[in-house]
Amino acid sequence: MCSENRTCHRPENNDFTANSQAVLTYLNIMQSIIQRMASNSASCKTWCITLVSAILVNCS
């Protein structure tokens, strides 16, 4: 597989196509991770605005 200059080549027969079940499962996993990160980000921003507002109200 690997030549002397340490470059590896993939086999020519690639079973992963755009419509394969493995690719679709991987994309669904990535989509759920991105969705969870977006939800957590929105939640953190909401808490940040709430805390900053409370601090500003208490300081004045």
PDB file of N, CA and C in Angstrom:
ATOM      1  N   MET A   1       0.796  -1.193   0.000  1.00  0.00           N
ATOM      2  CA  MET A   1       0.000   0.000   0.000  1.00  0.00           C
ATOM      3  C   MET A   1       0.848   1.271   0.000  1.00  0.00           C
ATOM      4  N   CYS A   2       1.808   1.386   0.906  1.00  0.00           N
ATOM      5  CA  CYS A   2       2.611   2.599   1.034  1.00  0.00           C
ATOM      6  C   CYS A   2       3.918   2.437   0.268  1.00  0.00           C
ATOM      7  N   SER A   3       4.326   3.498  -0.413  1.00  0.00           N
ATOM      8  CA  SER A   3       5.583   3.456  -1.139  1.00  0.00           C
ATOM      9  C   SER A   3       6.722   3.882  -0.220  1.00  0.00           C
ATOM     10  N   GLU A   4       7.925   3.914  -0.751  1.00  0.00           N
ATOM     11  CA  GLU A   4       9.092   4.218   0.067  1.00  0.00           C
ATOM     12  C   GLU A   4       9.092   5.648   0.592  1.00  0.00           C
ATOM     13  N   ASN A   5       8.503   6.578  -0.114  1.00  0.00           N
ATOM     14  CA  ASN A   5       8.474   7.961   0.362  1.00  0.00           C
ATOM     15  C   ASN A   5       7.294   8.225   1.305  1.00  0.00           C
ATOM     16  N   ARG A   6       6.744   7.160   1.846  1.00  0.00           N
ATOM     17  CA  ARG A   6       5.710   7.192   2.881  1.00  0.00           C
ATOM     18  C   ARG A   6       4.394   7.819   2.433  1.00  0.00           C
ATOM     19  N   THR A   7       4.071   7.753   1.178  1.00  0.00           N
ATOM     20  CA  THR A   7       2.757   8.191   0.724  1.00  0.00           C
ATOM     21  C   THR A   7       1.906   6.961   0.521  1.00  0.00           C
ATOM     22  N   CYS A   8       0.737   6.974   1.106  1.00  0.00           N
ATOM     23  CA  CYS A   8      -0.166   5.831   1.002  1.00  0.00           C
ATOM     24  C   CYS A   8      -1.245   6.124  -0.030  1.00  0.00           C
ATOM     25  N   HIS A   9      -1.627   5.112  -0.747  1.00  0.00           N
ATOM     26  CA  HIS A   9      -2.654   5.244  -1.773  1.00  0.00           C
ATOM     27  C   HIS A   9      -3.872   4.451  -1.349  1.00  0.00           C
ATOM     28  N   ARG A  10      -5.008   5.009  -1.585  1.00  0.00           N
ATOM     29  CA  ARG A  10      -6.246   4.314  -1.286  1.00  0.00           C
ATOM     30  C   ARG A  10      -6.526   3.294  -2.381  1.00  0.00           C
ATOM     31  N   PRO A  11      -7.215   2.244  -2.029  1.00  0.00           N
ATOM     32  CA  PRO A  11      -7.595   1.279  -3.065  1.00  0.00           C
ATOM     33  C   PRO A  11      -8.516   1.922  -4.097  1.00  0.00           C
ATOM     34  N   GLU A  12      -8.417   1.448  -5.289  1.00  0.00           N
ATOM     35  CA  GLU A  12      -9.221   2.019  -6.377  1.00  0.00           C
ATOM     36  C   GLU A  12     -10.705   1.704  -6.201  1.00  0.00           C
ATOM     37  N   ASN A  13     -11.028   0.565  -5.601  1.00  0.00           N
ATOM     38  CA  ASN A  13     -12.422   0.171  -5.421  1.00  0.00           C
ATOM     39  C   ASN A  13     -12.956   0.831  -4.158  1.00  0.00           C
ATOM     40  N   ASN A  14     -13.735   1.893  -4.319  1.00  0.00           N
ATOM     41  CA  ASN A  14     -14.290   2.611  -3.185  1.00  0.00           C
ATOM     42  C   ASN A  14     -15.784   2.315  -3.105  1.00  0.00           C
ATOM     43  N   ASP A  15     -16.202   1.658  -2.012  1.00  0.00           N
ATOM     44  CA  ASP A  15     -17.595   1.239  -1.884  1.00  0.00           C
ATOM     45  C   ASP A  15     -18.505   2.347  -1.364  1.00  0.00           C
ATOM     46  N   PHE A  16     -17.942   3.474  -0.963  1.00  0.00           N
ATOM     47  CA  PHE A  16     -18.750   4.548  -0.423  1.00  0.00           C
ATOM     48  C   PHE A  16     -19.198   5.482  -1.537  1.00  0.00           C
ATOM     49  N   THR A  17     -20.499   5.505  -1.765  1.00  0.00           N
ATOM     50  CA  THR A  17     -21.070   6.421  -2.743  1.00  0.00           C
ATOM     51  C   THR A  17     -21.937   7.430  -1.992  1.00  0.00           C
ATOM     52  N   ALA A  18     -22.401   8.422  -2.680  1.00  0.00           N
ATOM     53  CA  ALA A  18     -23.203   9.474  -2.043  1.00  0.00           C
ATOM     54  C   ALA A  18     -24.489   8.921  -1.444  1.00  0.00           C
ATOM     55  N   ASN A  19     -24.989   7.842  -1.973  1.00  0.00           N
ATOM     56  CA  ASN A  19     -26.250   7.278  -1.489  1.00  0.00           C
ATOM     57  C   ASN A  19     -26.067   6.050  -0.609  1.00  0.00           C
ATOM     58  N   SER A  20     -24.842   5.737  -0.224  1.00  0.00           N
ATOM     59  CA  SER A  20     -24.643   4.537   0.596  1.00  0.00           C
ATOM     60  C   SER A  20     -25.153   4.776   2.013  1.00  0.00           C
ATOM     61  N   GLN A  21     -25.530   3.697   2.671  1.00  0.00           N
ATOM     62  CA  GLN A  21     -26.100   3.787   4.016  1.00  0.00           C
ATOM     63  C   GLN A  21     -25.082   4.341   5.007  1.00  0.00           C
ATOM     64  N   ALA A  22     -23.810   4.002   4.866  1.00  0.00           N
ATOM     65  CA  ALA A  22     -22.779   4.488   5.782  1.00  0.00           C
ATOM     66  C   ALA A  22     -22.616   6.002   5.667  1.00  0.00           C
ATOM     67  N   VAL A  23     -22.639   6.509   4.460  1.00  0.00           N
ATOM     68  CA  VAL A  23     -22.494   7.953   4.252  1.00  0.00           C
ATOM     69  C   VAL A  23     -23.711   8.685   4.804  1.00  0.00           C
ATOM     70  N   LEU A  24     -24.894   8.170   4.551  1.00  0.00           N
ATOM     71  CA  LEU A  24     -26.108   8.808   5.057  1.00  0.00           C
ATOM     72  C   LEU A  24     -26.154   8.786   6.580  1.00  0.00           C
ATOM     73  N   THR A  25     -25.733   7.688   7.189  1.00  0.00           N
ATOM     74  CA  THR A  25     -25.684   7.607   8.651  1.00  0.00           C
ATOM     75  C   THR A  25     -24.693   8.608   9.203  1.00  0.00           C
ATOM     76  N   TYR A  26     -23.529   8.704   8.587  1.00  0.00           N
ATOM     77  CA  TYR A  26     -22.509   9.664   9.022  1.00  0.00           C
ATOM     78  C   TYR A  26     -23.024  11.090   8.917  1.00  0.00           C
ATOM     79  N   LEU A  27     -23.691  11.416   7.824  1.00  0.00           N
ATOM     80  CA  LEU A  27     -24.232  12.761   7.652  1.00  0.00           C
ATOM     81  C   LEU A  27     -25.321  13.066   8.677  1.00  0.00           C
ATOM     82  N   ASN A  28     -26.148  12.071   9.001  1.00  0.00           N
ATOM     83  CA  ASN A  28     -27.168  12.266  10.031  1.00  0.00           C
ATOM     84  C   ASN A  28     -26.535  12.516  11.390  1.00  0.00           C
ATOM     85  N   ILE A  29     -25.456  11.810  11.701  1.00  0.00           N
ATOM     86  CA  ILE A  29     -24.750  12.022  12.962  1.00  0.00           C
ATOM     87  C   ILE A  29     -24.172  13.426  13.003  1.00  0.00           C
ATOM     88  N   MET A  30     -23.520  13.842  11.918  1.00  0.00           N
ATOM     89  CA  MET A  30     -22.949  15.190  11.869  1.00  0.00           C
ATOM     90  C   MET A  30     -24.035  16.255  11.984  1.00  0.00           C
ATOM     91  N   GLN A  31     -25.166  16.029  11.351  1.00  0.00           N
ATOM     92  CA  GLN A  31     -26.263  16.986  11.412  1.00  0.00           C
ATOM     93  C   GLN A  31     -26.797  17.107  12.838  1.00  0.00           C
ATOM     94  N   SER A  32     -26.913  15.988  13.550  1.00  0.00           N
ATOM     95  CA  SER A  32     -27.403  16.054  14.922  1.00  0.00           C
ATOM     96  C   SER A  32     -26.395  16.739  15.837  1.00  0.00           C
ATOM     97  N   ILE A  33     -25.105  16.538  15.596  1.00  0.00           N
ATOM     98  CA  ILE A  33     -24.075  17.210  16.392  1.00  0.00           C
ATOM     99  C   ILE A  33     -24.137  18.713  16.168  1.00  0.00           C
ATOM    100  N   ILE A  34     -24.254  19.137  14.920  1.00  0.00           N
ATOM    101  CA  ILE A  34     -24.325  20.570  14.600  1.00  0.00           C
ATOM    102  C   ILE A  34     -25.585  21.182  15.201  1.00  0.00           C
ATOM    103  N   GLN A  35     -26.702  20.462  15.148  1.00  0.00           N
ATOM    104  CA  GLN A  35     -27.945  20.959  15.724  1.00  0.00           C
ATOM    105  C   GLN A  35     -27.808  21.123  17.230  1.00  0.00           C
ATOM    106  N   ARG A  36     -27.187  20.153  17.892  1.00  0.00           N
ATOM    107  CA  ARG A  36     -26.996  20.230  19.339  1.00  0.00           C
ATOM    108  C   ARG A  36     -26.080  21.396  19.703  1.00  0.00           C
ATOM    109  N   MET A  37     -25.038  21.611  18.921  1.00  0.00           N
ATOM    110  CA  MET A  37     -24.128  22.730  19.179  1.00  0.00           C
ATOM    111  C   MET A  37     -24.846  24.065  18.989  1.00  0.00           C
ATOM    112  N   ALA A  38     -25.695  24.171  17.996  1.00  0.00           N
ATOM    113  CA  ALA A  38     -26.442  25.404  17.768  1.00  0.00           C
ATOM    114  C   ALA A  38     -27.412  25.671  18.910  1.00  0.00           C
ATOM    115  N   SER A  39     -28.048  24.619  19.395  1.00  0.00           N
ATOM    116  CA  SER A  39     -28.970  24.766  20.513  1.00  0.00           C
ATOM    117  C   SER A  39     -28.233  25.198  21.775  1.00  0.00           C
ATOM    118  N   ASN A  40     -27.093  24.589  22.050  1.00  0.00           N
ATOM    119  CA  ASN A  40     -26.297  24.970  23.219  1.00  0.00           C
ATOM    120  C   ASN A  40     -25.780  26.397  23.100  1.00  0.00           C
ATOM    121  N   SER A  41     -25.409  26.807  21.906  1.00  0.00           N
ATOM    122  CA  SER A  41     -24.935  28.169  21.696  1.00  0.00           C
ATOM    123  C   SER A  41     -26.035  29.180  21.970  1.00  0.00           C
ATOM    124  N   ALA A  42     -27.229  28.908  21.497  1.00  0.00           N
ATOM    125  CA  ALA A  42     -28.353  29.812  21.735  1.00  0.00           C
ATOM    126  C   ALA A  42     -28.669  29.877  23.226  1.00  0.00           C
ATOM    127  N   SER A  43     -28.607  28.751  23.900  1.00  0.00           N
ATOM    128  CA  SER A  43     -28.865  28.721  25.335  1.00  0.00           C
ATOM    129  C   SER A  43     -27.815  29.527  26.101  1.00  0.00           C
ATOM    130  N   CYS A  44     -26.553  29.379  25.726  1.00  0.00           N
ATOM    131  CA  CYS A  44     -25.481  30.145  26.376  1.00  0.00           C
ATOM    132  C   CYS A  44     -25.644  31.640  26.147  1.00  0.00           C
ATOM    133  N   LYS A  45     -26.037  32.034  24.949  1.00  0.00           N
ATOM    134  CA  LYS A  45     -26.243  33.451  24.659  1.00  0.00           C
ATOM    135  C   LYS A  45     -27.401  34.015  25.484  1.00  0.00           C
ATOM    136  N   THR A  46     -28.450  33.235  25.637  1.00  0.00           N
ATOM    137  CA  THR A  46     -29.587  33.669  26.441  1.00  0.00           C
ATOM    138  C   THR A  46     -29.168  33.867  27.889  1.00  0.00           C
ATOM    139  N   TRP A  47     -28.429  32.912  28.440  1.00  0.00           N
ATOM    140  CA  TRP A  47     -27.948  33.043  29.821  1.00  0.00           C
ATOM    141  C   TRP A  47     -27.002  34.222  29.969  1.00  0.00           C
ATOM    142  N   CYS A  48     -26.158  34.444  28.982  1.00  0.00           N
ATOM    143  CA  CYS A  48     -25.207  35.554  29.038  1.00  0.00           C
ATOM    144  C   CYS A  48     -25.947  36.891  29.078  1.00  0.00           C
ATOM    145  N   ILE A  49     -26.950  37.050  28.232  1.00  0.00           N
ATOM    146  CA  ILE A  49     -27.726  38.293  28.212  1.00  0.00           C
ATOM    147  C   ILE A  49     -28.438  38.485  29.553  1.00  0.00           C
ATOM    148  N   THR A  50     -28.991  37.401  30.097  1.00  0.00           N
ATOM    149  CA  THR A  50     -29.689  37.479  31.379  1.00  0.00           C
ATOM    150  C   THR A  50     -28.733  37.881  32.499  1.00  0.00           C
ATOM    151  N   LEU A  51     -27.574  37.253  32.542  1.00  0.00           N
ATOM    152  CA  LEU A  51     -26.610  37.564  33.607  1.00  0.00           C
ATOM    153  C   LEU A  51     -26.042  38.971  33.488  1.00  0.00           C
ATOM    154  N   VAL A  52     -25.710  39.392  32.285  1.00  0.00           N
ATOM    155  CA  VAL A  52     -25.192  40.749  32.092  1.00  0.00           C
ATOM    156  C   VAL A  52     -26.258  41.776  32.460  1.00  0.00           C
ATOM    157  N   SER A  53     -27.490  41.528  32.086  1.00  0.00           N
ATOM    158  CA  SER A  53     -28.584  42.444  32.436  1.00  0.00           C
ATOM    159  C   SER A  53     -28.746  42.534  33.953  1.00  0.00           C
ATOM    160  N   ALA A  54     -28.697  41.382  34.636  1.00  0.00           N
ATOM    161  CA  ALA A  54     -28.835  41.372  36.098  1.00  0.00           C
ATOM    162  C   ALA A  54     -27.677  42.116  36.765  1.00  0.00           C
ATOM    163  N   ILE A  55     -26.473  41.934  36.255  1.00  0.00           N
ATOM    164  CA  ILE A  55     -25.320  42.623  36.819  1.00  0.00           C
ATOM    165  C   ILE A  55     -25.444  44.134  36.607  1.00  0.00           C
ATOM    166  N   LEU A  56     -25.846  44.541  35.420  1.00  0.00           N
ATOM    167  CA  LEU A  56     -25.989  45.968  35.145  1.00  0.00           C
ATOM    168  C   LEU A  56     -27.094  46.608  35.992  1.00  0.00           C
ATOM    169  N   VAL A  57     -28.159  45.900  36.232  1.00  0.00           N
ATOM    170  CA  VAL A  57     -29.257  46.422  37.043  1.00  0.00           C
ATOM    171  C   VAL A  57     -28.791  46.571  38.492  1.00  0.00           C
ATOM    172  N   ASN A  58     -28.033  45.595  38.984  1.00  0.00           N
ATOM    173  CA  ASN A  58     -27.568  45.643  40.369  1.00  0.00           C
ATOM    174  C   ASN A  58     -26.471  46.669  40.584  1.00  0.00           C
ATOM    175  N   CYS A  59     -25.712  46.990  39.567  1.00  0.00           N
ATOM    176  CA  CYS A  59     -24.620  47.948  39.710  1.00  0.00           C
ATOM    177  C   CYS A  59     -25.089  49.390  39.669  1.00  0.00           C
ATOM    178  N   SER A  60     -26.238  49.635  39.083  1.00  0.00           N
ATOM    179  CA  SER A  60     -26.684  51.036  38.947  1.00  0.00           C
ATOM    180  C   SER A  60     -27.599  51.470  40.061  1.00  0.00           C
TER     181      SER A  60
END
